[in-house]
Amino acid sequence: MNKIILSLLSTPVLISSILSMGAIFNQAQATEPEIKSTDRLSCIRNYHKVGFVCARASVLAQIPQTQTEVEFSREDTPMLEFNVEESEMAVALFNCDCPACINSLRQMRNMTPLVY
């Protein structure tokens, strides 16, 4: 009797049928995919910081988009046109608001750079 049970359990057909019965009771459940955040990071290299400097697109979008033409002073020297929000964000990201840092910030925002 023990030999018959042992021979039945050792056959691959019986073992595979037992395993398939176990798979029927533990069926996989499909779930809805999770929506990933659309708030992407915008990263750039800057001369004042080592490595990449990154900021979220939602934070960069809060800066007003003012694109003005280059204005000239009385001595015909071009004036740099940027707003206070750009200057403050450049200081927050790069600890500096020089024209190179403001250009880096504008590049992160896909805007035209300052002309200097």
N, C-alpha and C. Protein backbone atom coordinates (compact mmCIF):
# COMPACT_ATOMS: atom_id res chain seq x y z
N MET A 1 0.81 -1.19 0.00
CA MET A 1 0.00 0.00 0.00
C MET A 1 0.87 1.26 0.00
N ASN A 2 1.91 1.28 0.83
CA ASN A 2 2.79 2.44 0.89
C ASN A 2 3.54 2.61 -0.41
N LYS A 3 3.87 1.50 -1.08
CA LYS A 3 4.59 1.59 -2.35
C LYS A 3 3.70 2.19 -3.43
N ILE A 4 2.42 1.88 -3.40
CA ILE A 4 1.50 2.41 -4.40
C ILE A 4 1.35 3.93 -4.22
N ILE A 5 1.17 4.36 -2.98
CA ILE A 5 1.03 5.79 -2.71
C ILE A 5 2.32 6.53 -3.07
N LEU A 6 3.47 5.93 -2.73
CA LEU A 6 4.74 6.54 -3.06
C LEU A 6 4.96 6.62 -4.56
N SER A 7 4.57 5.60 -5.29
CA SER A 7 4.73 5.62 -6.74
C SER A 7 3.78 6.64 -7.39
N LEU A 8 2.58 6.80 -6.84
CA LEU A 8 1.65 7.80 -7.37
C LEU A 8 2.15 9.23 -7.10
N LEU A 9 2.69 9.45 -5.91
CA LEU A 9 3.19 10.78 -5.58
C LEU A 9 4.46 11.14 -6.33
N SER A 10 5.17 10.16 -6.79
CA SER A 10 6.41 10.44 -7.48
C SER A 10 6.22 10.66 -8.98
N THR A 11 5.05 10.45 -9.49
CA THR A 11 4.83 10.67 -10.91
C THR A 11 4.63 12.16 -11.17
N PRO A 12 5.22 12.68 -12.23
CA PRO A 12 5.11 14.11 -12.53
C PRO A 12 3.68 14.55 -12.84
N VAL A 13 2.87 13.68 -13.39
CA VAL A 13 1.50 14.07 -13.74
C VAL A 13 0.71 14.39 -12.49
N LEU A 14 0.84 13.57 -11.48
CA LEU A 14 0.09 13.79 -10.26
C LEU A 14 0.59 15.04 -9.52
N ILE A 15 1.90 15.22 -9.50
CA ILE A 15 2.45 16.39 -8.82
C ILE A 15 2.03 17.68 -9.53
N SER A 16 2.05 17.67 -10.86
CA SER A 16 1.65 18.88 -11.59
C SER A 16 0.17 19.16 -11.42
N SER A 17 -0.66 18.14 -11.33
CA SER A 17 -2.09 18.38 -11.12
C SER A 17 -2.35 18.94 -9.72
N ILE A 18 -1.61 18.48 -8.73
CA ILE A 18 -1.77 19.02 -7.38
C ILE A 18 -1.33 20.48 -7.34
N LEU A 19 -0.23 20.79 -8.00
CA LEU A 19 0.24 22.18 -8.04
C LEU A 19 -0.72 23.08 -8.80
N SER A 20 -1.31 22.57 -9.87
CA SER A 20 -2.26 23.40 -10.62
C SER A 20 -3.53 23.64 -9.82
N MET A 21 -3.93 22.70 -9.00
CA MET A 21 -5.09 22.91 -8.13
C MET A 21 -4.79 24.01 -7.10
N GLY A 22 -3.55 24.03 -6.63
CA GLY A 22 -3.16 25.10 -5.70
C GLY A 22 -3.15 26.45 -6.39
N ALA A 23 -2.81 26.49 -7.67
CA ALA A 23 -2.79 27.75 -8.41
C ALA A 23 -4.20 28.27 -8.65
N ILE A 24 -5.17 27.38 -8.75
CA ILE A 24 -6.56 27.81 -8.96
C ILE A 24 -7.07 28.55 -7.72
N PHE A 25 -6.70 28.09 -6.55
CA PHE A 25 -7.17 28.73 -5.33
C PHE A 25 -6.46 30.04 -5.04
N ASN A 26 -5.25 30.24 -5.57
CA ASN A 26 -4.49 31.47 -5.35
C ASN A 26 -4.36 32.23 -6.67
N GLN A 27 -5.47 32.69 -7.19
CA GLN A 27 -5.44 33.38 -8.47
C GLN A 27 -4.91 34.80 -8.29
N ALA A 28 -4.27 35.30 -9.35
CA ALA A 28 -3.75 36.66 -9.33
C ALA A 28 -4.89 37.64 -9.56
N GLN A 29 -4.82 38.78 -8.93
CA GLN A 29 -5.84 39.80 -9.07
C GLN A 29 -5.26 41.00 -9.81
N ALA A 30 -5.96 41.47 -10.80
CA ALA A 30 -5.52 42.65 -11.55
C ALA A 30 -5.96 43.90 -10.78
N THR A 31 -5.08 44.88 -10.73
CA THR A 31 -5.41 46.14 -10.06
C THR A 31 -5.20 47.28 -11.04
N GLU A 32 -5.77 48.40 -10.71
CA GLU A 32 -5.58 49.60 -11.52
C GLU A 32 -4.16 50.10 -11.34
N PRO A 33 -3.52 50.56 -12.41
CA PRO A 33 -2.16 51.09 -12.26
C PRO A 33 -2.18 52.39 -11.46
N GLU A 34 -1.16 52.58 -10.65
CA GLU A 34 -1.06 53.80 -9.87
C GLU A 34 -0.56 54.93 -10.77
N ILE A 35 -1.18 56.07 -10.62
CA ILE A 35 -0.77 57.23 -11.40
C ILE A 35 0.47 57.82 -10.76
N LYS A 36 1.52 57.92 -11.55
CA LYS A 36 2.76 58.48 -11.03
C LYS A 36 2.69 60.00 -11.10
N SER A 37 3.48 60.62 -10.29
CA SER A 37 3.50 62.07 -10.22
C SER A 37 3.97 62.67 -11.55
N THR A 38 3.24 63.65 -12.02
CA THR A 38 3.63 64.32 -13.25
C THR A 38 4.51 65.53 -12.96
N ASP A 39 4.79 65.76 -11.69
CA ASP A 39 5.63 66.89 -11.30
C ASP A 39 7.09 66.46 -11.44
N ARG A 40 7.63 66.67 -12.63
CA ARG A 40 8.98 66.18 -12.92
C ARG A 40 10.03 67.10 -12.33
N LEU A 41 11.24 66.56 -12.24
CA LEU A 41 12.37 67.35 -11.78
C LEU A 41 13.08 67.95 -12.99
N SER A 42 13.50 69.16 -12.86
CA SER A 42 14.31 69.81 -13.87
C SER A 42 15.68 70.02 -13.25
N CYS A 43 16.70 69.40 -13.85
CA CYS A 43 18.06 69.45 -13.29
C CYS A 43 19.02 70.11 -14.28
N ILE A 44 20.03 70.75 -13.73
CA ILE A 44 21.03 71.43 -14.55
C ILE A 44 22.33 71.50 -13.76
N ARG A 45 23.44 71.56 -14.50
CA ARG A 45 24.74 71.81 -13.86
C ARG A 45 24.96 73.32 -13.78
N ASN A 46 25.59 73.74 -12.70
CA ASN A 46 25.88 75.15 -12.51
C ASN A 46 27.31 75.30 -12.04
N TYR A 47 27.92 76.41 -12.42
CA TYR A 47 29.33 76.64 -12.08
C TYR A 47 29.55 76.90 -10.59
N HIS A 48 28.52 77.36 -9.89
CA HIS A 48 28.67 77.69 -8.48
C HIS A 48 28.43 76.51 -7.55
N LYS A 49 27.85 75.43 -8.05
CA LYS A 49 27.58 74.26 -7.22
C LYS A 49 28.19 73.03 -7.87
N VAL A 50 28.60 72.08 -7.04
CA VAL A 50 29.15 70.83 -7.54
C VAL A 50 27.99 69.88 -7.81
N GLY A 51 28.00 69.22 -8.96
CA GLY A 51 26.93 68.29 -9.30
C GLY A 51 25.73 68.99 -9.90
N PHE A 52 24.61 68.27 -9.89
CA PHE A 52 23.39 68.80 -10.47
C PHE A 52 22.59 69.59 -9.44
N VAL A 53 21.89 70.60 -9.91
CA VAL A 53 20.94 71.35 -9.11
C VAL A 53 19.57 71.06 -9.70
N CYS A 54 18.65 70.59 -8.87
CA CYS A 54 17.33 70.18 -9.36
C CYS A 54 16.24 70.98 -8.65
N ALA A 55 15.15 71.19 -9.38
CA ALA A 55 13.97 71.84 -8.81
C ALA A 55 12.75 71.22 -9.48
N ARG A 56 11.65 71.18 -8.74
CA ARG A 56 10.41 70.64 -9.29
C ARG A 56 9.81 71.62 -10.29
N ALA A 57 9.18 71.08 -11.31
CA ALA A 57 8.58 71.91 -12.35
C ALA A 57 7.47 72.78 -11.80
N SER A 58 6.75 72.29 -10.79
CA SER A 58 5.66 73.09 -10.21
C SER A 58 6.21 74.32 -9.49
N VAL A 59 7.39 74.19 -8.88
CA VAL A 59 8.00 75.34 -8.20
C VAL A 59 8.49 76.34 -9.23
N LEU A 60 9.09 75.84 -10.30
CA LEU A 60 9.58 76.73 -11.35
C LEU A 60 8.44 77.43 -12.08
N ALA A 61 7.28 76.78 -12.15
CA ALA A 61 6.14 77.37 -12.85
C ALA A 61 5.53 78.53 -12.07
N GLN A 62 5.84 78.64 -10.78
CA GLN A 62 5.28 79.73 -9.98
C GLN A 62 5.95 81.06 -10.27
N ILE A 63 7.10 81.04 -10.92
CA ILE A 63 7.79 82.28 -11.26
C ILE A 63 7.10 82.90 -12.47
N PRO A 64 6.73 84.17 -12.41
CA PRO A 64 6.06 84.79 -13.56
C PRO A 64 6.94 84.78 -14.80
N GLN A 65 6.32 84.51 -15.95
CA GLN A 65 7.06 84.45 -17.21
C GLN A 65 7.02 85.82 -17.86
N THR A 66 8.08 86.56 -17.70
CA THR A 66 8.16 87.87 -18.34
C THR A 66 9.31 87.85 -19.32
N GLN A 67 9.00 87.91 -20.58
CA GLN A 67 10.02 87.97 -21.63
C GLN A 67 9.96 89.37 -22.22
N THR A 68 10.95 90.16 -21.90
CA THR A 68 10.99 91.51 -22.44
C THR A 68 12.16 91.64 -23.38
N GLU A 69 12.10 92.64 -24.21
CA GLU A 69 13.19 92.92 -25.13
C GLU A 69 14.35 93.56 -24.38
N VAL A 70 15.52 93.48 -24.97
CA VAL A 70 16.69 94.11 -24.37
C VAL A 70 16.54 95.62 -24.47
N GLU A 71 16.65 96.27 -23.34
CA GLU A 71 16.56 97.73 -23.31
C GLU A 71 17.96 98.30 -23.19
N PHE A 72 18.14 99.48 -23.73
CA PHE A 72 19.44 100.13 -23.67
C PHE A 72 19.37 101.35 -22.77
N SER A 73 20.45 101.58 -22.06
CA SER A 73 20.50 102.76 -21.20
C SER A 73 20.92 103.97 -22.03
N ARG A 74 21.15 105.06 -21.36
CA ARG A 74 21.54 106.29 -22.07
C ARG A 74 22.89 106.14 -22.75
N GLU A 75 23.74 105.28 -22.20
CA GLU A 75 25.08 105.10 -22.77
C GLU A 75 25.10 103.97 -23.81
N ASP A 76 23.94 103.52 -24.25
CA ASP A 76 23.79 102.43 -25.22
C ASP A 76 24.40 101.11 -24.75
N THR A 77 24.34 100.86 -23.46
CA THR A 77 24.74 99.55 -22.94
C THR A 77 23.48 98.76 -22.63
N PRO A 78 23.45 97.50 -22.99
CA PRO A 78 22.23 96.72 -22.76
C PRO A 78 21.99 96.49 -21.26
N MET A 79 20.74 96.57 -20.86
CA MET A 79 20.34 96.34 -19.48
C MET A 79 19.82 94.91 -19.36
N LEU A 80 20.17 94.25 -18.29
CA LEU A 80 19.68 92.89 -18.06
C LEU A 80 18.26 92.95 -17.52
N GLU A 81 17.35 92.25 -18.17
CA GLU A 81 15.95 92.27 -17.78
C GLU A 81 15.59 90.95 -17.11
N PHE A 82 15.39 90.99 -15.79
CA PHE A 82 14.88 89.84 -15.05
C PHE A 82 14.06 90.37 -13.90
N ASN A 83 13.18 89.54 -13.37
CA ASN A 83 12.31 90.01 -12.30
C ASN A 83 12.82 89.54 -10.94
N VAL A 84 12.19 90.04 -9.90
CA VAL A 84 12.62 89.75 -8.53
C VAL A 84 12.45 88.27 -8.21
N GLU A 85 11.38 87.66 -8.72
CA GLU A 85 11.14 86.24 -8.44
C GLU A 85 12.25 85.37 -9.03
N GLU A 86 12.71 85.73 -10.24
CA GLU A 86 13.81 84.98 -10.83
C GLU A 86 15.08 85.13 -10.00
N SER A 87 15.32 86.33 -9.53
CA SER A 87 16.50 86.57 -8.71
C SER A 87 16.44 85.78 -7.40
N GLU A 88 15.27 85.79 -6.75
CA GLU A 88 15.13 85.06 -5.49
C GLU A 88 15.25 83.55 -5.69
N MET A 89 14.71 83.03 -6.78
CA MET A 89 14.81 81.59 -7.05
C MET A 89 16.25 81.21 -7.37
N ALA A 90 16.96 82.06 -8.09
CA ALA A 90 18.37 81.79 -8.38
C ALA A 90 19.20 81.77 -7.10
N VAL A 91 18.90 82.67 -6.18
CA VAL A 91 19.60 82.67 -4.89
C VAL A 91 19.26 81.41 -4.11
N ALA A 92 17.99 80.98 -4.15
CA ALA A 92 17.59 79.77 -3.42
C ALA A 92 18.26 78.53 -3.99
N LEU A 93 18.39 78.46 -5.31
CA LEU A 93 18.96 77.26 -5.94
C LEU A 93 20.49 77.28 -5.97
N PHE A 94 21.06 78.43 -6.32
CA PHE A 94 22.49 78.49 -6.59
C PHE A 94 23.28 79.35 -5.60
N ASN A 95 22.60 79.97 -4.64
CA ASN A 95 23.22 80.90 -3.68
C ASN A 95 23.85 82.10 -4.38
N CYS A 96 23.32 82.47 -5.52
CA CYS A 96 23.87 83.56 -6.30
C CYS A 96 22.81 84.01 -7.31
N ASP A 97 22.80 85.29 -7.64
CA ASP A 97 21.89 85.75 -8.69
C ASP A 97 22.65 86.49 -9.79
N CYS A 98 23.84 85.99 -10.09
CA CYS A 98 24.61 86.56 -11.20
C CYS A 98 23.93 86.18 -12.52
N PRO A 99 24.28 86.83 -13.63
CA PRO A 99 23.64 86.51 -14.91
C PRO A 99 23.79 85.04 -15.31
N ALA A 100 24.90 84.40 -14.97
CA ALA A 100 25.07 82.98 -15.31
C ALA A 100 24.07 82.12 -14.55
N CYS A 101 23.81 82.43 -13.28
CA CYS A 101 22.85 81.66 -12.49
C CYS A 101 21.42 81.92 -12.96
N ILE A 102 21.11 83.15 -13.31
CA ILE A 102 19.77 83.44 -13.83
C ILE A 102 19.58 82.75 -15.18
N ASN A 103 20.63 82.69 -16.00
CA ASN A 103 20.53 81.94 -17.26
C ASN A 103 20.33 80.45 -17.00
N SER A 104 20.98 79.91 -15.98
CA SER A 104 20.78 78.50 -15.63
C SER A 104 19.34 78.26 -15.21
N LEU A 105 18.80 79.18 -14.41
CA LEU A 105 17.40 79.08 -14.00
C LEU A 105 16.47 79.17 -15.20
N ARG A 106 16.75 80.08 -16.11
CA ARG A 106 15.92 80.20 -17.32
C ARG A 106 16.03 78.96 -18.20
N GLN A 107 17.20 78.35 -18.22
CA GLN A 107 17.36 77.12 -19.00
C GLN A 107 16.53 76.00 -18.38
N MET A 108 16.46 75.95 -17.05
CA MET A 108 15.63 74.95 -16.38
C MET A 108 14.16 75.17 -16.70
N ARG A 109 13.77 76.41 -16.94
CA ARG A 109 12.37 76.74 -17.23
C ARG A 109 12.08 76.77 -18.72
N ASN A 110 13.05 76.43 -19.57
CA ASN A 110 12.91 76.44 -21.03
C ASN A 110 12.58 77.83 -21.54
N MET A 111 13.29 78.82 -21.03
CA MET A 111 13.11 80.20 -21.47
C MET A 111 14.38 80.67 -22.15
N THR A 112 14.28 81.79 -22.85
CA THR A 112 15.46 82.35 -23.51
C THR A 112 16.39 82.95 -22.46
N PRO A 113 17.70 82.82 -22.65
CA PRO A 113 18.64 83.33 -21.64
C PRO A 113 18.77 84.84 -21.71
N LEU A 114 19.36 85.38 -20.66
CA LEU A 114 19.70 86.80 -20.65
C LEU A 114 20.80 87.06 -21.65
N VAL A 115 20.79 88.22 -22.25
CA VAL A 115 21.85 88.60 -23.17
C VAL A 115 22.76 89.55 -22.42
N TYR A 116 24.01 89.14 -22.22
CA TYR A 116 24.96 90.01 -21.53
C TYR A 116 26.32 89.90 -22.15
